[in-house]
């Protein structure tokens, strides 16, 4: 994955723009795989997110996101970010522990999308 991909950035930016239309805030948010680095980079205070959990099924992708965050000097430094390796079909988080679950192209790789949606719900 390149540090910045115009297609991925456009998808992430469109996804995050939708948070600006919501009156509800989402202090704790889970970002499911795929393009979580772009989501973190483009977040810019949208959705009043205070805690961001970035999850991917690949240990290498989790490491890439951690390294990218460490290298960035951006406006999202006030967001508590944690990284987790996990599967969208078996989420490694407690029920009702997040306010929002987003995915920027991450669910494309999921075998059982309806099953993943059931777990997200």
N, C-alpha and C. Protein backbone atom coordinates (compact mmCIF):
# COMPACT_ATOMS: atom_id res chain seq x y z
N UNK A 1 0.84 -1.18 0.00
CA UNK A 1 0.00 0.00 0.00
C UNK A 1 0.88 1.23 0.00
N UNK A 2 0.56 2.14 -0.89
CA UNK A 2 1.31 3.39 -0.97
C UNK A 2 0.93 4.30 0.19
N UNK A 3 1.82 5.21 0.58
CA UNK A 3 1.50 6.13 1.69
C UNK A 3 0.25 6.96 1.42
N UNK A 4 0.02 7.33 0.17
CA UNK A 4 -1.17 8.09 -0.16
C UNK A 4 -1.65 7.65 -1.54
N UNK A 5 -2.87 7.16 -1.60
CA UNK A 5 -3.46 6.69 -2.85
C UNK A 5 -4.69 7.57 -3.11
N UNK A 6 -4.73 8.28 -4.24
CA UNK A 6 -5.84 9.20 -4.49
C UNK A 6 -7.22 8.53 -4.45
N UNK A 7 -7.34 7.30 -4.95
CA UNK A 7 -8.62 6.60 -4.92
C UNK A 7 -9.04 6.30 -3.48
N UNK A 8 -8.13 5.73 -2.71
CA UNK A 8 -8.42 5.38 -1.32
C UNK A 8 -8.72 6.65 -0.52
N UNK A 9 -7.96 7.71 -0.76
CA UNK A 9 -8.21 8.97 -0.06
C UNK A 9 -9.60 9.52 -0.39
N UNK A 10 -10.02 9.42 -1.65
CA UNK A 10 -11.35 9.91 -2.05
C UNK A 10 -12.46 9.11 -1.36
N UNK A 11 -12.30 7.79 -1.31
CA UNK A 11 -13.30 6.94 -0.65
C UNK A 11 -13.35 7.27 0.85
N UNK A 12 -12.20 7.38 1.49
CA UNK A 12 -12.15 7.69 2.92
C UNK A 12 -12.74 9.07 3.19
N UNK A 13 -12.42 10.04 2.37
CA UNK A 13 -12.92 11.39 2.55
C UNK A 13 -14.44 11.43 2.39
N UNK A 14 -14.98 10.72 1.39
CA UNK A 14 -16.44 10.64 1.22
C UNK A 14 -17.12 9.97 2.41
N UNK A 15 -16.52 8.91 2.91
CA UNK A 15 -17.05 8.22 4.09
C UNK A 15 -17.08 9.16 5.30
N UNK A 16 -15.99 9.85 5.53
CA UNK A 16 -15.89 10.74 6.69
C UNK A 16 -16.77 11.98 6.54
N UNK A 17 -16.99 12.43 5.31
CA UNK A 17 -17.89 13.57 5.09
C UNK A 17 -19.29 13.28 5.62
N UNK A 18 -19.70 12.04 5.56
CA UNK A 18 -21.04 11.67 6.03
C UNK A 18 -21.19 11.88 7.53
N UNK A 19 -20.09 11.84 8.27
CA UNK A 19 -20.16 12.08 9.70
C UNK A 19 -20.55 13.53 10.00
N UNK A 20 -20.22 14.43 9.10
CA UNK A 20 -20.56 15.84 9.30
C UNK A 20 -22.07 16.08 9.19
N UNK A 21 -22.79 15.17 8.54
CA UNK A 21 -24.24 15.30 8.41
C UNK A 21 -24.98 14.76 9.63
N UNK A 22 -24.29 14.08 10.52
CA UNK A 22 -24.90 13.48 11.71
C UNK A 22 -24.85 14.44 12.89
N UNK A 23 -25.96 14.53 13.60
CA UNK A 23 -25.97 15.33 14.82
C UNK A 23 -25.37 14.56 15.99
N UNK A 24 -25.42 13.25 15.90
CA UNK A 24 -24.87 12.38 16.94
C UNK A 24 -23.35 12.42 16.90
N UNK A 25 -22.73 12.26 18.04
CA UNK A 25 -21.27 12.17 18.09
C UNK A 25 -20.87 10.71 18.32
N UNK A 26 -19.66 10.40 17.96
CA UNK A 26 -19.17 9.03 18.03
C UNK A 26 -17.83 8.99 18.74
N UNK A 27 -17.82 9.15 20.08
CA UNK A 27 -16.55 9.23 20.80
C UNK A 27 -15.65 8.01 20.62
N UNK A 28 -16.22 6.82 20.56
CA UNK A 28 -15.42 5.59 20.38
C UNK A 28 -15.80 4.96 19.04
N UNK A 29 -14.83 4.83 18.15
CA UNK A 29 -15.09 4.34 16.80
C UNK A 29 -14.14 3.21 16.44
N UNK A 30 -14.68 2.19 15.81
CA UNK A 30 -13.89 1.07 15.30
C UNK A 30 -13.81 1.20 13.79
N UNK A 31 -12.60 1.15 13.26
CA UNK A 31 -12.38 1.22 11.82
C UNK A 31 -11.90 -0.15 11.36
N UNK A 32 -12.71 -0.80 10.52
CA UNK A 32 -12.41 -2.14 10.04
C UNK A 32 -11.52 -2.10 8.81
N UNK A 33 -10.34 -2.63 8.92
CA UNK A 33 -9.40 -2.90 7.86
C UNK A 33 -9.43 -2.11 6.57
N UNK A 34 -8.64 -2.57 5.66
CA UNK A 34 -8.60 -1.98 4.34
C UNK A 34 -7.80 -0.70 4.27
N UNK A 35 -8.45 0.41 4.53
CA UNK A 35 -7.83 1.72 4.33
C UNK A 35 -7.82 2.53 5.62
N UNK A 36 -7.58 1.88 6.72
CA UNK A 36 -7.66 2.58 8.00
C UNK A 36 -6.62 3.69 8.13
N UNK A 37 -5.48 3.57 7.47
CA UNK A 37 -4.46 4.62 7.53
C UNK A 37 -5.00 5.90 6.89
N UNK A 38 -5.70 5.79 5.78
CA UNK A 38 -6.29 6.96 5.12
C UNK A 38 -7.37 7.57 5.99
N UNK A 39 -8.17 6.74 6.64
CA UNK A 39 -9.22 7.23 7.53
C UNK A 39 -8.58 8.04 8.66
N UNK A 40 -7.56 7.51 9.27
CA UNK A 40 -6.89 8.21 10.38
C UNK A 40 -6.30 9.54 9.91
N UNK A 41 -5.69 9.55 8.76
CA UNK A 41 -5.03 10.75 8.23
C UNK A 41 -6.04 11.83 7.86
N UNK A 42 -7.22 11.44 7.36
CA UNK A 42 -8.21 12.40 6.86
C UNK A 42 -9.32 12.72 7.85
N UNK A 43 -9.26 12.16 9.04
CA UNK A 43 -10.33 12.31 10.03
C UNK A 43 -10.63 13.77 10.37
N UNK A 44 -9.64 14.55 10.70
CA UNK A 44 -9.77 16.00 10.91
C UNK A 44 -10.94 16.41 11.80
N UNK A 45 -11.15 15.72 12.91
CA UNK A 45 -12.16 16.11 13.88
C UNK A 45 -13.60 15.76 13.53
N UNK A 46 -13.82 15.09 12.44
CA UNK A 46 -15.20 14.76 12.05
C UNK A 46 -15.77 13.70 12.98
N UNK A 47 -17.05 13.86 13.34
CA UNK A 47 -17.74 12.89 14.17
C UNK A 47 -17.40 12.96 15.64
N UNK A 48 -16.65 13.96 16.05
CA UNK A 48 -16.22 14.11 17.45
C UNK A 48 -15.59 12.83 17.99
N UNK A 49 -14.83 12.16 17.16
CA UNK A 49 -14.18 10.91 17.56
C UNK A 49 -13.02 11.21 18.50
N UNK A 50 -13.03 10.58 19.67
CA UNK A 50 -11.98 10.75 20.66
C UNK A 50 -11.09 9.53 20.75
N UNK A 51 -11.68 8.36 20.50
CA UNK A 51 -10.94 7.10 20.57
C UNK A 51 -11.19 6.34 19.28
N UNK A 52 -10.11 5.98 18.59
CA UNK A 52 -10.20 5.27 17.32
C UNK A 52 -9.47 3.94 17.45
N UNK A 53 -10.20 2.86 17.22
CA UNK A 53 -9.61 1.53 17.24
C UNK A 53 -9.47 1.10 15.79
N UNK A 54 -8.26 0.87 15.37
CA UNK A 54 -8.00 0.47 13.99
C UNK A 54 -7.73 -1.01 13.96
N UNK A 55 -8.54 -1.74 13.18
CA UNK A 55 -8.44 -3.19 13.15
C UNK A 55 -8.19 -3.68 11.74
N UNK A 56 -7.34 -4.69 11.62
CA UNK A 56 -7.11 -5.33 10.33
C UNK A 56 -6.82 -6.80 10.58
N UNK A 57 -7.08 -7.63 9.57
CA UNK A 57 -6.79 -9.05 9.70
C UNK A 57 -5.32 -9.36 9.49
N UNK A 58 -4.59 -8.42 8.92
CA UNK A 58 -3.18 -8.62 8.61
C UNK A 58 -2.28 -7.93 9.64
N UNK A 59 -1.39 -8.68 10.24
CA UNK A 59 -0.43 -8.12 11.18
C UNK A 59 0.45 -7.08 10.48
N UNK A 60 0.82 -7.34 9.23
CA UNK A 60 1.64 -6.40 8.47
C UNK A 60 0.92 -5.07 8.27
N UNK A 61 -0.39 -5.12 8.00
CA UNK A 61 -1.16 -3.89 7.80
C UNK A 61 -1.29 -3.12 9.11
N UNK A 62 -1.48 -3.82 10.21
CA UNK A 62 -1.53 -3.16 11.52
C UNK A 62 -0.21 -2.47 11.79
N UNK A 63 0.89 -3.13 11.50
CA UNK A 63 2.22 -2.53 11.69
C UNK A 63 2.39 -1.31 10.80
N UNK A 64 1.94 -1.40 9.54
CA UNK A 64 2.02 -0.27 8.61
C UNK A 64 1.27 0.94 9.15
N UNK A 65 0.08 0.71 9.70
CA UNK A 65 -0.72 1.80 10.27
C UNK A 65 -0.04 2.42 11.49
N UNK A 66 0.52 1.57 12.34
CA UNK A 66 1.25 2.08 13.51
C UNK A 66 2.43 2.93 13.09
N UNK A 67 3.19 2.45 12.11
CA UNK A 67 4.35 3.19 11.62
C UNK A 67 3.94 4.51 10.98
N UNK A 68 2.84 4.50 10.23
CA UNK A 68 2.36 5.72 9.58
C UNK A 68 1.92 6.74 10.62
N UNK A 69 1.27 6.27 11.67
CA UNK A 69 0.84 7.20 12.72
C UNK A 69 2.04 7.81 13.43
N UNK A 70 3.05 7.00 13.72
CA UNK A 70 4.24 7.50 14.39
C UNK A 70 4.97 8.55 13.55
N UNK A 71 4.90 8.41 12.23
CA UNK A 71 5.62 9.32 11.34
C UNK A 71 4.83 10.61 11.08
N UNK A 72 3.54 10.61 11.35
CA UNK A 72 2.71 11.77 11.03
C UNK A 72 2.75 12.82 12.14
N UNK A 73 2.79 14.05 11.71
CA UNK A 73 2.61 15.20 12.61
C UNK A 73 1.36 15.89 12.12
N UNK A 74 0.20 15.47 12.61
CA UNK A 74 -1.05 16.01 12.07
C UNK A 74 -1.98 16.53 13.15
N UNK A 75 -3.15 16.96 12.71
CA UNK A 75 -4.13 17.55 13.62
C UNK A 75 -4.90 16.50 14.41
N UNK A 76 -4.65 15.23 14.19
CA UNK A 76 -5.39 14.17 14.88
C UNK A 76 -4.64 13.63 16.10
N UNK A 77 -3.71 14.38 16.62
CA UNK A 77 -2.92 13.90 17.76
C UNK A 77 -3.73 13.78 19.03
N UNK A 78 -4.88 14.48 19.11
CA UNK A 78 -5.70 14.40 20.31
C UNK A 78 -6.64 13.19 20.31
N UNK A 79 -6.58 12.38 19.26
CA UNK A 79 -7.40 11.18 19.18
C UNK A 79 -6.59 9.99 19.70
N UNK A 80 -7.12 9.36 20.73
CA UNK A 80 -6.49 8.16 21.28
C UNK A 80 -6.66 7.03 20.27
N UNK A 81 -5.56 6.50 19.78
CA UNK A 81 -5.62 5.47 18.75
C UNK A 81 -5.02 4.17 19.25
N UNK A 82 -5.74 3.09 19.03
CA UNK A 82 -5.20 1.78 19.36
C UNK A 82 -5.33 0.89 18.13
N UNK A 83 -4.52 -0.13 18.11
CA UNK A 83 -4.44 -1.01 16.95
C UNK A 83 -4.70 -2.44 17.39
N UNK A 84 -5.49 -3.15 16.59
CA UNK A 84 -5.87 -4.50 16.95
C UNK A 84 -5.87 -5.37 15.69
N UNK A 85 -5.41 -6.58 15.83
CA UNK A 85 -5.49 -7.52 14.73
C UNK A 85 -6.73 -8.39 14.99
N UNK A 86 -7.60 -8.46 14.01
CA UNK A 86 -8.82 -9.24 14.20
C UNK A 86 -9.54 -9.47 12.90
N UNK A 87 -10.59 -10.23 12.98
CA UNK A 87 -11.37 -10.64 11.82
C UNK A 87 -12.73 -9.97 11.89
N UNK A 88 -13.19 -9.41 10.77
CA UNK A 88 -14.48 -8.75 10.72
C UNK A 88 -15.64 -9.68 11.06
N UNK A 89 -15.44 -10.96 10.84
CA UNK A 89 -16.51 -11.92 11.11
C UNK A 89 -16.55 -12.34 12.58
N UNK A 90 -15.49 -12.05 13.33
CA UNK A 90 -15.42 -12.37 14.76
C UNK A 90 -14.73 -11.20 15.46
N UNK A 91 -15.46 -10.13 15.66
CA UNK A 91 -14.87 -8.89 16.20
C UNK A 91 -14.29 -9.10 17.59
N UNK A 92 -13.06 -8.64 17.80
CA UNK A 92 -12.40 -8.82 19.10
C UNK A 92 -12.68 -7.66 20.06
N UNK A 93 -13.93 -7.20 20.10
CA UNK A 93 -14.29 -6.12 21.02
C UNK A 93 -15.54 -6.52 21.79
N UNK A 94 -15.74 -5.87 22.94
CA UNK A 94 -16.92 -6.16 23.75
C UNK A 94 -18.16 -5.54 23.12
N UNK A 95 -19.28 -6.19 23.34
CA UNK A 95 -20.56 -5.69 22.84
C UNK A 95 -20.83 -4.29 23.40
N UNK A 96 -21.30 -3.40 22.57
CA UNK A 96 -21.67 -2.02 22.95
C UNK A 96 -20.48 -1.20 23.46
N UNK A 97 -19.27 -1.56 23.05
CA UNK A 97 -18.10 -0.82 23.53
C UNK A 97 -17.68 0.30 22.58
N UNK A 98 -18.30 0.39 21.40
CA UNK A 98 -18.00 1.47 20.47
C UNK A 98 -19.32 2.12 20.01
N UNK A 99 -19.22 3.37 19.60
CA UNK A 99 -20.38 4.12 19.16
C UNK A 99 -20.61 4.03 17.65
N UNK A 100 -19.55 3.71 16.93
CA UNK A 100 -19.62 3.69 15.47
C UNK A 100 -18.62 2.66 14.94
N UNK A 101 -19.03 1.96 13.90
CA UNK A 101 -18.13 1.05 13.19
C UNK A 101 -18.12 1.51 11.74
N UNK A 102 -16.91 1.78 11.23
CA UNK A 102 -16.78 2.19 9.83
C UNK A 102 -15.82 1.25 9.11
N UNK A 103 -15.98 1.20 7.82
CA UNK A 103 -15.08 0.41 6.99
C UNK A 103 -14.89 1.12 5.67
N UNK A 104 -13.66 1.38 5.34
CA UNK A 104 -13.34 2.04 4.08
C UNK A 104 -12.67 1.00 3.18
N UNK A 105 -13.48 0.29 2.42
CA UNK A 105 -13.04 -0.76 1.50
C UNK A 105 -12.59 -2.04 2.20
N UNK A 106 -12.69 -2.11 3.50
CA UNK A 106 -12.24 -3.29 4.24
C UNK A 106 -13.15 -4.49 4.10
N UNK A 107 -14.45 -4.25 3.99
CA UNK A 107 -15.39 -5.37 3.91
C UNK A 107 -15.39 -6.04 2.54
N UNK A 108 -14.69 -5.46 1.57
CA UNK A 108 -14.58 -6.09 0.26
C UNK A 108 -13.91 -7.46 0.34
N UNK A 109 -13.06 -7.63 1.34
CA UNK A 109 -12.28 -8.86 1.47
C UNK A 109 -12.93 -9.87 2.40
N UNK A 110 -14.08 -9.53 2.96
CA UNK A 110 -14.77 -10.41 3.90
C UNK A 110 -15.59 -11.45 3.15
N UNK A 111 -15.42 -12.70 3.53
CA UNK A 111 -16.14 -13.79 2.88
C UNK A 111 -17.63 -13.73 3.20
N UNK A 112 -17.96 -13.51 4.46
CA UNK A 112 -19.34 -13.53 4.92
C UNK A 112 -19.77 -12.12 5.35
N UNK A 113 -20.11 -11.28 4.39
CA UNK A 113 -20.49 -9.90 4.71
C UNK A 113 -21.74 -9.85 5.59
N UNK A 114 -22.81 -10.60 5.29
CA UNK A 114 -23.97 -10.57 6.20
C UNK A 114 -23.60 -10.99 7.62
N UNK A 115 -22.75 -12.02 7.75
CA UNK A 115 -22.31 -12.44 9.08
C UNK A 115 -21.52 -11.35 9.79
N UNK A 116 -20.66 -10.66 9.04
CA UNK A 116 -19.88 -9.55 9.62
C UNK A 116 -20.80 -8.44 10.08
N UNK A 117 -21.84 -8.15 9.30
CA UNK A 117 -22.80 -7.10 9.68
C UNK A 117 -23.56 -7.48 10.94
N UNK A 118 -23.87 -8.76 11.08
CA UNK A 118 -24.54 -9.24 12.30
C UNK A 118 -23.63 -9.00 13.51
N UNK A 119 -22.34 -9.30 13.38
CA UNK A 119 -21.40 -9.08 14.48
C UNK A 119 -21.23 -7.60 14.78
N UNK A 120 -21.21 -6.78 13.75
CA UNK A 120 -21.10 -5.33 13.95
C UNK A 120 -22.31 -4.82 14.70
N UNK A 121 -23.49 -5.30 14.33
CA UNK A 121 -24.72 -4.85 14.98
C UNK A 121 -24.72 -5.26 16.45
